N, C-alpha and C. Protein backbone atom coordinates (compact mmCIF):
# COMPACT_ATOMS: atom_id res chain seq x y z
N MET A 1 -63.04 28.49 4.66
CA MET A 1 -62.90 29.64 3.78
C MET A 1 -62.06 29.25 2.55
N ALA A 2 -61.98 30.17 1.64
CA ALA A 2 -61.26 29.93 0.39
C ALA A 2 -59.76 29.86 0.65
N SER A 3 -59.10 28.97 -0.05
CA SER A 3 -57.67 28.80 0.07
C SER A 3 -56.95 29.81 -0.84
N ILE A 4 -56.11 30.63 -0.24
CA ILE A 4 -55.36 31.63 -1.01
C ILE A 4 -54.39 30.93 -1.96
N ILE A 5 -53.80 29.83 -1.52
CA ILE A 5 -52.86 29.10 -2.38
C ILE A 5 -53.56 28.60 -3.63
N LEU A 6 -54.76 28.06 -3.48
CA LEU A 6 -55.51 27.57 -4.63
C LEU A 6 -55.87 28.72 -5.57
N VAL A 7 -56.29 29.83 -5.02
CA VAL A 7 -56.64 30.99 -5.85
C VAL A 7 -55.43 31.45 -6.65
N VAL A 8 -54.26 31.49 -6.01
CA VAL A 8 -53.04 31.93 -6.69
C VAL A 8 -52.63 30.93 -7.78
N VAL A 9 -52.71 29.63 -7.46
CA VAL A 9 -52.32 28.61 -8.45
C VAL A 9 -53.21 28.69 -9.69
N VAL A 10 -54.51 28.78 -9.49
CA VAL A 10 -55.44 28.87 -10.62
C VAL A 10 -55.23 30.17 -11.39
N PHE A 11 -54.99 31.25 -10.67
CA PHE A 11 -54.73 32.54 -11.34
C PHE A 11 -53.47 32.46 -12.20
N VAL A 12 -52.41 31.86 -11.67
CA VAL A 12 -51.16 31.76 -12.44
C VAL A 12 -51.36 30.89 -13.68
N LEU A 13 -52.04 29.76 -13.54
CA LEU A 13 -52.29 28.90 -14.70
C LEU A 13 -53.10 29.63 -15.77
N ASP A 14 -54.15 30.31 -15.34
CA ASP A 14 -55.00 31.02 -16.31
C ASP A 14 -54.29 32.23 -16.90
N ALA A 15 -53.47 32.92 -16.10
CA ALA A 15 -52.73 34.08 -16.62
C ALA A 15 -51.70 33.62 -17.66
N LEU A 16 -51.03 32.51 -17.40
CA LEU A 16 -50.09 31.98 -18.39
C LEU A 16 -50.80 31.55 -19.67
N ALA A 17 -51.98 30.95 -19.51
CA ALA A 17 -52.76 30.57 -20.70
C ALA A 17 -53.14 31.80 -21.50
N PHE A 18 -53.54 32.87 -20.82
CA PHE A 18 -53.89 34.12 -21.50
C PHE A 18 -52.70 34.70 -22.25
N VAL A 19 -51.55 34.73 -21.59
CA VAL A 19 -50.33 35.28 -22.21
C VAL A 19 -49.93 34.45 -23.43
N LEU A 20 -50.01 33.14 -23.32
CA LEU A 20 -49.67 32.29 -24.47
C LEU A 20 -50.66 32.47 -25.62
N ALA A 21 -51.93 32.67 -25.31
CA ALA A 21 -52.92 32.90 -26.37
C ALA A 21 -52.65 34.22 -27.09
N ILE A 22 -52.28 35.25 -26.33
CA ILE A 22 -51.92 36.54 -26.96
C ILE A 22 -50.65 36.36 -27.79
N GLY A 23 -49.68 35.62 -27.26
CA GLY A 23 -48.45 35.35 -28.02
C GLY A 23 -48.73 34.58 -29.30
N ALA A 24 -49.67 33.65 -29.24
CA ALA A 24 -50.03 32.90 -30.44
C ALA A 24 -50.65 33.81 -31.49
N GLU A 25 -51.46 34.77 -31.05
CA GLU A 25 -52.06 35.71 -32.00
C GLU A 25 -50.98 36.56 -32.67
N LYS A 26 -49.98 36.96 -31.91
CA LYS A 26 -48.90 37.80 -32.46
C LYS A 26 -47.98 37.01 -33.38
N ARG A 27 -47.86 35.69 -33.16
CA ARG A 27 -46.92 34.87 -33.92
C ARG A 27 -47.59 33.96 -34.95
N ARG A 28 -48.81 34.33 -35.38
CA ARG A 28 -49.50 33.53 -36.39
C ARG A 28 -48.61 33.35 -37.63
N SER A 29 -48.76 32.22 -38.30
CA SER A 29 -48.01 31.99 -39.54
C SER A 29 -48.54 32.90 -40.64
N THR A 30 -47.62 33.47 -41.37
CA THR A 30 -47.98 34.25 -42.55
C THR A 30 -47.27 33.61 -43.74
N ALA A 31 -47.84 33.78 -44.90
CA ALA A 31 -47.29 33.14 -46.10
C ALA A 31 -46.82 34.20 -47.10
N THR A 32 -45.73 33.89 -47.74
CA THR A 32 -45.22 34.68 -48.86
C THR A 32 -45.01 33.70 -50.02
N PHE A 33 -44.77 34.25 -51.18
CA PHE A 33 -44.59 33.41 -52.36
C PHE A 33 -43.11 33.23 -52.66
N GLY A 34 -42.74 32.01 -52.98
CA GLY A 34 -41.40 31.69 -53.44
C GLY A 34 -41.49 31.11 -54.84
N VAL A 35 -40.35 31.03 -55.51
CA VAL A 35 -40.31 30.49 -56.88
C VAL A 35 -39.37 29.29 -56.88
N ASP A 36 -39.84 28.16 -57.43
CA ASP A 36 -39.00 26.96 -57.47
C ASP A 36 -38.18 26.94 -58.76
N ALA A 37 -37.48 25.83 -59.01
CA ALA A 37 -36.59 25.70 -60.17
C ALA A 37 -37.37 25.72 -61.49
N ASN A 38 -38.66 25.33 -61.46
CA ASN A 38 -39.49 25.31 -62.67
C ASN A 38 -40.25 26.62 -62.85
N SER A 39 -39.89 27.65 -62.15
CA SER A 39 -40.54 28.97 -62.20
C SER A 39 -42.00 28.93 -61.76
N ARG A 40 -42.32 27.98 -60.91
CA ARG A 40 -43.67 27.94 -60.34
C ARG A 40 -43.62 28.56 -58.95
N GLN A 41 -44.68 29.29 -58.62
CA GLN A 41 -44.75 29.90 -57.30
C GLN A 41 -45.27 28.89 -56.28
N TYR A 42 -44.78 28.99 -55.08
CA TYR A 42 -45.26 28.15 -53.99
C TYR A 42 -45.32 29.00 -52.71
N CYS A 43 -45.93 28.45 -51.70
CA CYS A 43 -46.13 29.17 -50.44
C CYS A 43 -44.96 28.92 -49.50
N VAL A 44 -44.43 29.99 -48.95
CA VAL A 44 -43.38 29.91 -47.94
C VAL A 44 -43.95 30.51 -46.66
N TYR A 45 -43.94 29.72 -45.59
CA TYR A 45 -44.56 30.15 -44.33
C TYR A 45 -43.52 30.64 -43.33
N SER A 46 -43.96 31.57 -42.51
CA SER A 46 -43.10 32.07 -41.45
C SER A 46 -43.09 31.07 -40.30
N SER A 47 -42.56 31.46 -39.19
CA SER A 47 -42.43 30.59 -38.02
C SER A 47 -43.77 29.98 -37.62
N ASP A 48 -43.69 28.75 -37.11
CA ASP A 48 -44.89 28.03 -36.69
C ASP A 48 -45.01 28.02 -35.16
N ALA A 49 -44.52 29.05 -34.50
CA ALA A 49 -44.52 29.11 -33.04
C ALA A 49 -45.94 29.24 -32.48
N ALA A 50 -46.86 29.82 -33.24
CA ALA A 50 -48.21 30.04 -32.73
C ALA A 50 -48.93 28.73 -32.43
N THR A 51 -48.62 27.68 -33.16
CA THR A 51 -49.26 26.40 -32.89
C THR A 51 -48.86 25.89 -31.51
N GLY A 52 -47.60 25.96 -31.18
CA GLY A 52 -47.13 25.55 -29.86
C GLY A 52 -47.69 26.42 -28.75
N TYR A 53 -47.73 27.73 -29.00
CA TYR A 53 -48.30 28.64 -28.00
C TYR A 53 -49.78 28.34 -27.78
N GLY A 54 -50.50 28.07 -28.86
CA GLY A 54 -51.92 27.77 -28.74
C GLY A 54 -52.18 26.48 -27.98
N ILE A 55 -51.40 25.45 -28.25
CA ILE A 55 -51.56 24.18 -27.54
C ILE A 55 -51.16 24.36 -26.07
N GLY A 56 -50.11 25.13 -25.82
CA GLY A 56 -49.72 25.41 -24.44
C GLY A 56 -50.81 26.13 -23.67
N ALA A 57 -51.42 27.13 -24.30
CA ALA A 57 -52.52 27.87 -23.67
C ALA A 57 -53.70 26.94 -23.41
N LEU A 58 -54.00 26.07 -24.36
CA LEU A 58 -55.09 25.12 -24.21
C LEU A 58 -54.86 24.21 -23.02
N LEU A 59 -53.64 23.68 -22.86
CA LEU A 59 -53.34 22.77 -21.77
C LEU A 59 -53.33 23.48 -20.42
N LEU A 60 -52.80 24.69 -20.36
CA LEU A 60 -52.79 25.44 -19.11
C LEU A 60 -54.21 25.81 -18.67
N LEU A 61 -55.04 26.21 -19.62
CA LEU A 61 -56.43 26.53 -19.29
C LEU A 61 -57.16 25.28 -18.81
N LEU A 62 -56.89 24.15 -19.43
CA LEU A 62 -57.48 22.89 -19.01
C LEU A 62 -57.03 22.52 -17.60
N ALA A 63 -55.77 22.73 -17.29
CA ALA A 63 -55.26 22.43 -15.94
C ALA A 63 -55.92 23.32 -14.90
N GLY A 64 -56.05 24.61 -15.19
CA GLY A 64 -56.71 25.52 -14.25
C GLY A 64 -58.16 25.14 -14.01
N GLN A 65 -58.85 24.78 -15.07
CA GLN A 65 -60.26 24.37 -14.96
C GLN A 65 -60.37 23.08 -14.15
N ALA A 66 -59.47 22.15 -14.40
CA ALA A 66 -59.50 20.87 -13.68
C ALA A 66 -59.27 21.07 -12.19
N VAL A 67 -58.34 21.95 -11.83
CA VAL A 67 -58.07 22.21 -10.41
C VAL A 67 -59.31 22.76 -9.72
N VAL A 68 -59.95 23.75 -10.33
CA VAL A 68 -61.14 24.34 -9.72
C VAL A 68 -62.27 23.32 -9.62
N MET A 69 -62.47 22.52 -10.65
CA MET A 69 -63.57 21.56 -10.64
C MET A 69 -63.32 20.42 -9.65
N VAL A 70 -62.07 20.02 -9.47
CA VAL A 70 -61.77 18.99 -8.48
C VAL A 70 -62.02 19.52 -7.07
N VAL A 71 -61.58 20.74 -6.80
CA VAL A 71 -61.74 21.31 -5.46
C VAL A 71 -63.21 21.56 -5.13
N THR A 72 -63.98 22.02 -6.10
CA THR A 72 -65.40 22.30 -5.84
C THR A 72 -66.28 21.08 -6.12
N ARG A 73 -65.66 19.97 -6.42
CA ARG A 73 -66.38 18.72 -6.73
C ARG A 73 -67.38 18.93 -7.86
N CYS A 74 -66.98 19.72 -8.80
CA CYS A 74 -67.79 20.01 -10.00
C CYS A 74 -69.19 20.51 -9.63
N PHE A 75 -69.30 21.12 -8.47
CA PHE A 75 -70.51 21.78 -7.97
C PHE A 75 -71.67 20.84 -7.68
N CYS A 76 -71.64 19.62 -8.19
CA CYS A 76 -72.81 18.76 -8.01
C CYS A 76 -72.53 17.54 -7.13
N CYS A 77 -71.29 17.24 -6.86
CA CYS A 77 -70.96 16.09 -6.02
C CYS A 77 -70.57 16.57 -4.63
N GLY A 78 -70.67 15.71 -3.67
CA GLY A 78 -70.28 16.07 -2.32
C GLY A 78 -71.46 16.59 -1.52
N ARG A 79 -71.13 17.19 -0.38
CA ARG A 79 -72.14 17.69 0.54
C ARG A 79 -72.92 18.84 -0.09
N ALA A 80 -74.20 18.88 0.18
CA ALA A 80 -75.05 19.94 -0.38
C ALA A 80 -74.71 21.28 0.26
N LEU A 81 -74.84 22.30 -0.52
CA LEU A 81 -74.61 23.66 -0.02
C LEU A 81 -75.90 24.23 0.53
N SER A 82 -75.76 25.11 1.48
CA SER A 82 -76.97 25.73 2.04
C SER A 82 -77.56 26.68 1.02
N PRO A 83 -78.89 26.73 0.94
CA PRO A 83 -79.51 27.65 0.00
C PRO A 83 -79.21 29.09 0.39
N GLY A 84 -79.11 29.89 -0.62
CA GLY A 84 -78.84 31.30 -0.38
C GLY A 84 -78.18 31.94 -1.57
N ARG A 85 -77.80 33.17 -1.37
CA ARG A 85 -77.24 33.93 -2.50
C ARG A 85 -75.88 33.40 -2.92
N TRP A 86 -75.05 32.90 -1.97
CA TRP A 86 -73.73 32.41 -2.35
C TRP A 86 -73.82 31.18 -3.23
N ARG A 87 -74.75 30.29 -2.93
CA ARG A 87 -74.95 29.11 -3.77
C ARG A 87 -75.47 29.52 -5.15
N ALA A 88 -76.36 30.49 -5.19
CA ALA A 88 -76.89 30.97 -6.47
C ALA A 88 -75.79 31.62 -7.30
N PHE A 89 -74.96 32.45 -6.67
CA PHE A 89 -73.85 33.09 -7.39
C PHE A 89 -72.86 32.03 -7.88
N SER A 90 -72.59 31.05 -7.04
CA SER A 90 -71.67 29.99 -7.42
C SER A 90 -72.22 29.18 -8.60
N GLY A 91 -73.53 28.91 -8.58
CA GLY A 91 -74.14 28.18 -9.69
C GLY A 91 -74.08 28.95 -10.99
N PHE A 92 -74.35 30.25 -10.93
CA PHE A 92 -74.27 31.07 -12.14
C PHE A 92 -72.85 31.10 -12.67
N CYS A 93 -71.87 31.30 -11.79
CA CYS A 93 -70.47 31.34 -12.22
C CYS A 93 -70.00 29.99 -12.74
N PHE A 94 -70.52 28.90 -12.18
CA PHE A 94 -70.19 27.56 -12.65
C PHE A 94 -70.64 27.38 -14.10
N ILE A 95 -71.86 27.76 -14.40
CA ILE A 95 -72.39 27.62 -15.76
C ILE A 95 -71.64 28.54 -16.72
N ALA A 96 -71.42 29.79 -16.30
CA ALA A 96 -70.70 30.74 -17.16
C ALA A 96 -69.26 30.29 -17.37
N CYS A 97 -68.66 29.72 -16.35
CA CYS A 97 -67.28 29.24 -16.45
C CYS A 97 -67.16 28.12 -17.48
N TRP A 98 -68.08 27.16 -17.45
CA TRP A 98 -68.04 26.08 -18.42
C TRP A 98 -68.34 26.56 -19.83
N PHE A 99 -69.26 27.48 -19.95
CA PHE A 99 -69.61 28.02 -21.28
C PHE A 99 -68.40 28.72 -21.90
N THR A 100 -67.75 29.60 -21.16
CA THR A 100 -66.59 30.32 -21.69
C THR A 100 -65.40 29.39 -21.87
N PHE A 101 -65.28 28.38 -21.01
CA PHE A 101 -64.18 27.42 -21.13
C PHE A 101 -64.28 26.64 -22.45
N VAL A 102 -65.45 26.16 -22.77
CA VAL A 102 -65.63 25.40 -24.01
C VAL A 102 -65.32 26.26 -25.23
N ILE A 103 -65.78 27.51 -25.22
CA ILE A 103 -65.50 28.39 -26.35
C ILE A 103 -64.01 28.69 -26.45
N ALA A 104 -63.36 28.96 -25.32
CA ALA A 104 -61.92 29.24 -25.33
C ALA A 104 -61.13 28.04 -25.85
N GLU A 105 -61.48 26.86 -25.37
CA GLU A 105 -60.77 25.65 -25.82
C GLU A 105 -60.98 25.42 -27.32
N LEU A 106 -62.19 25.64 -27.80
CA LEU A 106 -62.45 25.46 -29.24
C LEU A 106 -61.66 26.47 -30.07
N CYS A 107 -61.62 27.71 -29.63
CA CYS A 107 -60.85 28.73 -30.37
C CYS A 107 -59.37 28.39 -30.39
N LEU A 108 -58.82 28.00 -29.24
CA LEU A 108 -57.40 27.67 -29.17
C LEU A 108 -57.07 26.41 -29.98
N LEU A 109 -57.92 25.42 -29.91
CA LEU A 109 -57.67 24.19 -30.66
C LEU A 109 -57.81 24.43 -32.16
N ALA A 110 -58.88 25.08 -32.57
CA ALA A 110 -59.08 25.34 -34.00
C ALA A 110 -57.98 26.24 -34.55
N GLY A 111 -57.58 27.24 -33.78
CA GLY A 111 -56.49 28.12 -34.21
C GLY A 111 -55.18 27.38 -34.35
N SER A 112 -54.89 26.50 -33.41
CA SER A 112 -53.64 25.74 -33.48
C SER A 112 -53.62 24.78 -34.67
N VAL A 113 -54.74 24.12 -34.89
CA VAL A 113 -54.82 23.18 -36.01
C VAL A 113 -54.72 23.92 -37.33
N ARG A 114 -55.46 24.99 -37.47
CA ARG A 114 -55.46 25.75 -38.73
C ARG A 114 -54.12 26.43 -38.97
N ASN A 115 -53.46 26.89 -37.91
CA ASN A 115 -52.16 27.54 -38.07
C ASN A 115 -51.10 26.53 -38.50
N ALA A 116 -51.24 25.27 -38.09
CA ALA A 116 -50.27 24.24 -38.45
C ALA A 116 -50.47 23.73 -39.87
N TYR A 117 -51.62 24.02 -40.48
CA TYR A 117 -51.91 23.54 -41.83
C TYR A 117 -51.22 24.44 -42.85
N HIS A 118 -50.30 23.86 -43.59
CA HIS A 118 -49.57 24.62 -44.61
C HIS A 118 -49.75 23.94 -45.96
N THR A 119 -49.94 24.74 -46.98
CA THR A 119 -50.00 24.22 -48.35
C THR A 119 -48.74 24.65 -49.08
N LYS A 120 -48.30 23.85 -50.02
CA LYS A 120 -47.14 24.24 -50.81
C LYS A 120 -47.59 24.70 -52.19
N TYR A 121 -48.21 23.82 -52.94
CA TYR A 121 -48.73 24.17 -54.25
C TYR A 121 -50.24 24.01 -54.23
N SER A 122 -50.92 24.84 -54.96
CA SER A 122 -52.37 24.71 -55.06
C SER A 122 -52.70 24.18 -56.44
N THR A 123 -53.39 23.06 -56.51
CA THR A 123 -53.72 22.48 -57.80
C THR A 123 -54.98 23.10 -58.39
N LEU A 124 -55.75 23.84 -57.59
CA LEU A 124 -56.98 24.43 -58.08
C LEU A 124 -56.72 25.66 -58.94
N VAL A 125 -55.63 26.34 -58.69
CA VAL A 125 -55.32 27.56 -59.43
C VAL A 125 -54.36 27.20 -60.56
N ILE A 126 -54.82 27.36 -61.79
CA ILE A 126 -54.00 26.99 -62.94
C ILE A 126 -53.02 28.12 -63.29
N SER A 127 -53.48 29.32 -63.25
CA SER A 127 -52.59 30.45 -63.53
C SER A 127 -52.65 31.40 -62.35
N GLY A 128 -51.59 32.12 -62.14
CA GLY A 128 -51.54 33.06 -61.03
C GLY A 128 -50.91 32.42 -59.82
N PRO A 129 -50.82 33.18 -58.75
CA PRO A 129 -50.17 32.66 -57.54
C PRO A 129 -51.05 31.62 -56.84
N PRO A 130 -50.44 30.70 -56.12
CA PRO A 130 -51.22 29.70 -55.39
C PRO A 130 -51.96 30.33 -54.21
N ARG A 131 -52.98 29.64 -53.76
CA ARG A 131 -53.70 30.10 -52.58
C ARG A 131 -53.03 29.47 -51.35
N CYS A 132 -52.54 30.30 -50.49
CA CYS A 132 -51.85 29.82 -49.31
C CYS A 132 -52.81 29.81 -48.14
N ALA A 133 -52.89 28.68 -47.45
CA ALA A 133 -53.77 28.55 -46.29
C ALA A 133 -53.17 29.30 -45.11
N MET A 134 -53.94 30.23 -44.56
CA MET A 134 -53.49 30.99 -43.40
C MET A 134 -54.64 31.13 -42.41
N LEU A 135 -54.30 31.22 -41.15
CA LEU A 135 -55.28 31.41 -40.09
C LEU A 135 -55.78 32.85 -40.11
N ARG A 136 -57.08 33.00 -39.96
CA ARG A 136 -57.65 34.34 -39.90
C ARG A 136 -57.17 35.07 -38.66
N LYS A 137 -57.05 36.35 -38.80
CA LYS A 137 -56.64 37.17 -37.67
C LYS A 137 -57.77 37.21 -36.64
N GLY A 138 -57.43 37.02 -35.39
CA GLY A 138 -58.41 37.16 -34.32
C GLY A 138 -58.87 35.86 -33.69
N VAL A 139 -58.49 34.71 -34.23
CA VAL A 139 -58.94 33.44 -33.65
C VAL A 139 -58.28 33.23 -32.29
N PHE A 140 -56.98 33.42 -32.23
CA PHE A 140 -56.30 33.29 -30.94
C PHE A 140 -56.68 34.42 -29.99
N ALA A 141 -56.96 35.59 -30.54
CA ALA A 141 -57.40 36.71 -29.69
C ALA A 141 -58.75 36.40 -29.05
N ALA A 142 -59.64 35.78 -29.80
CA ALA A 142 -60.93 35.36 -29.23
C ALA A 142 -60.69 34.30 -28.15
N GLY A 143 -59.77 33.38 -28.40
CA GLY A 143 -59.42 32.39 -27.39
C GLY A 143 -58.86 33.04 -26.14
N ALA A 144 -58.05 34.08 -26.32
CA ALA A 144 -57.50 34.79 -25.16
C ALA A 144 -58.60 35.51 -24.39
N ALA A 145 -59.53 36.12 -25.09
CA ALA A 145 -60.63 36.82 -24.42
C ALA A 145 -61.48 35.84 -23.61
N PHE A 146 -61.80 34.70 -24.20
CA PHE A 146 -62.59 33.72 -23.46
C PHE A 146 -61.77 33.02 -22.37
N THR A 147 -60.47 32.98 -22.53
CA THR A 147 -59.60 32.48 -21.46
C THR A 147 -59.68 33.41 -20.26
N PHE A 148 -59.66 34.71 -20.52
CA PHE A 148 -59.79 35.69 -19.43
C PHE A 148 -61.14 35.53 -18.73
N LEU A 149 -62.21 35.40 -19.50
CA LEU A 149 -63.53 35.24 -18.89
C LEU A 149 -63.63 33.93 -18.11
N THR A 150 -63.04 32.87 -18.63
CA THR A 150 -63.03 31.60 -17.91
C THR A 150 -62.30 31.74 -16.59
N ALA A 151 -61.16 32.42 -16.61
CA ALA A 151 -60.41 32.63 -15.37
C ALA A 151 -61.23 33.43 -14.37
N LEU A 152 -61.90 34.46 -14.83
CA LEU A 152 -62.72 35.29 -13.94
C LEU A 152 -63.85 34.48 -13.32
N PHE A 153 -64.60 33.76 -14.15
CA PHE A 153 -65.73 32.99 -13.64
C PHE A 153 -65.28 31.80 -12.78
N ALA A 154 -64.14 31.20 -13.09
CA ALA A 154 -63.65 30.07 -12.28
C ALA A 154 -63.26 30.56 -10.89
N GLU A 155 -62.56 31.69 -10.83
CA GLU A 155 -62.18 32.25 -9.53
C GLU A 155 -63.42 32.63 -8.72
N LEU A 156 -64.36 33.29 -9.37
CA LEU A 156 -65.59 33.68 -8.65
C LEU A 156 -66.38 32.45 -8.21
N HIS A 157 -66.44 31.44 -9.06
CA HIS A 157 -67.15 30.21 -8.69
C HIS A 157 -66.53 29.60 -7.44
N TYR A 158 -65.21 29.53 -7.40
CA TYR A 158 -64.55 28.95 -6.24
C TYR A 158 -64.79 29.79 -4.99
N LEU A 159 -64.67 31.10 -5.09
CA LEU A 159 -64.87 31.95 -3.92
C LEU A 159 -66.31 31.87 -3.41
N PHE A 160 -67.28 31.91 -4.30
CA PHE A 160 -68.68 31.81 -3.88
C PHE A 160 -68.99 30.41 -3.33
N PHE A 161 -68.39 29.38 -3.93
CA PHE A 161 -68.57 28.03 -3.44
C PHE A 161 -68.03 27.91 -2.01
N ALA A 162 -66.86 28.48 -1.77
CA ALA A 162 -66.27 28.44 -0.43
C ALA A 162 -67.15 29.17 0.58
N LYS A 163 -67.71 30.31 0.19
CA LYS A 163 -68.62 31.04 1.09
C LYS A 163 -69.88 30.23 1.37
N ALA A 164 -70.43 29.60 0.37
CA ALA A 164 -71.64 28.79 0.56
C ALA A 164 -71.34 27.56 1.42
N ARG A 165 -70.18 26.96 1.22
CA ARG A 165 -69.80 25.80 2.02
C ARG A 165 -69.57 26.21 3.47
N HIS A 166 -68.96 27.37 3.68
CA HIS A 166 -68.74 27.88 5.04
C HIS A 166 -70.07 28.22 5.70
N ALA A 167 -71.01 28.77 4.95
CA ALA A 167 -72.33 29.10 5.52
C ALA A 167 -73.07 27.84 5.93
N ALA A 168 -72.85 26.73 5.21
CA ALA A 168 -73.52 25.47 5.55
C ALA A 168 -72.92 24.87 6.82
N ALA A 169 -71.63 25.15 7.11
CA ALA A 169 -70.97 24.56 8.27
C ALA A 169 -71.34 25.26 9.58
N VAL A 170 -71.84 26.49 9.49
CA VAL A 170 -72.19 27.24 10.68
C VAL A 170 -73.60 26.83 11.12
N PRO A 171 -73.75 26.32 12.35
CA PRO A 171 -75.08 25.92 12.79
C PRO A 171 -75.96 27.15 13.03
N PRO A 172 -77.25 27.00 12.87
CA PRO A 172 -78.13 28.15 13.10
C PRO A 172 -78.12 28.52 14.59
N PRO A 173 -78.37 29.78 14.88
CA PRO A 173 -78.34 30.19 16.29
C PRO A 173 -79.47 29.51 17.06
N ILE A 174 -79.16 29.23 18.32
CA ILE A 174 -80.15 28.59 19.19
C ILE A 174 -81.02 29.69 19.79
N VAL A 175 -82.31 29.55 19.58
CA VAL A 175 -83.26 30.52 20.09
C VAL A 175 -83.87 29.90 21.35
N GLY A 176 -83.91 30.69 22.41
CA GLY A 176 -84.45 30.19 23.66
C GLY A 176 -85.94 29.91 23.55
N GLY A 177 -86.42 29.02 24.37
CA GLY A 177 -87.84 28.71 24.39
C GLY A 177 -88.08 27.24 24.15
N ILE A 178 -89.32 26.90 24.13
CA ILE A 178 -89.72 25.52 23.93
C ILE A 178 -90.06 25.32 22.45
N GLY A 179 -89.51 24.27 21.89
CA GLY A 179 -89.78 23.98 20.49
C GLY A 179 -91.20 23.49 20.32
N MET A 180 -91.98 24.13 19.49
CA MET A 180 -93.38 23.77 19.30
C MET A 180 -93.63 23.20 17.91
N THR A 181 -92.59 22.82 17.20
CA THR A 181 -92.80 22.30 15.85
C THR A 181 -93.04 20.81 15.90
N ARG A 182 -93.64 20.30 14.84
CA ARG A 182 -93.88 18.86 14.76
C ARG A 182 -92.57 18.12 14.46
N MET A 183 -92.50 16.94 14.93
CA MET A 183 -91.32 16.11 14.70
C MET A 183 -91.44 15.39 13.42
C-alpha cells in the first residue's frame, strides 16, 4: 500500500514550493526613478527577495517530483503493473504531473531570471525617463498555480500506482475444477 510518510514528505515539499512561489509574486522587484549627480534619471529597484523565493520554489518542486519518480520508478521501469483502472489512472496522472511540472518549472525559472535583471540607464531613450526592466505581474502566480497542480497529480499518481502495484501482488482466486485451457 501507499506509504503515509512518503505522501507527507512530498506534500510538505510541494506545499513549501507553493508558499515560496506565492511569496515571490508578492515580493517582485518594482522600479522607481532616481536622479544622479548629472540630473539624469536612473532606475532604483526594490528588494530582490523574489528571485531567491522563486529559485527556492523551483528546487523544492524539483525535489518533490524526484522523490515521487524514484519511488514509482518513473512509471516505466520495474515490475509491470496489472491492467486495470488503477494503472490507467496512474498513467493519466503521470502524464499530467509531468506536463504541469514542466510548466511550473519554466514559470519559476523565467520569473526568477527576469526578476533578477535590473537596468540602470537606458540608452535607447534620449529624452524622458529610462525604461526600467520589471517582471510582469502573474508569472510567479502562474508558477504557483502549476505547482499546486503538479503536487495534486504527483500525489494521485503515487496513490494510484500503489493501488495498481498492490493489485498485481494479489494472486487471482483459485477456482475449483479441472483446468481445460491449453498450455
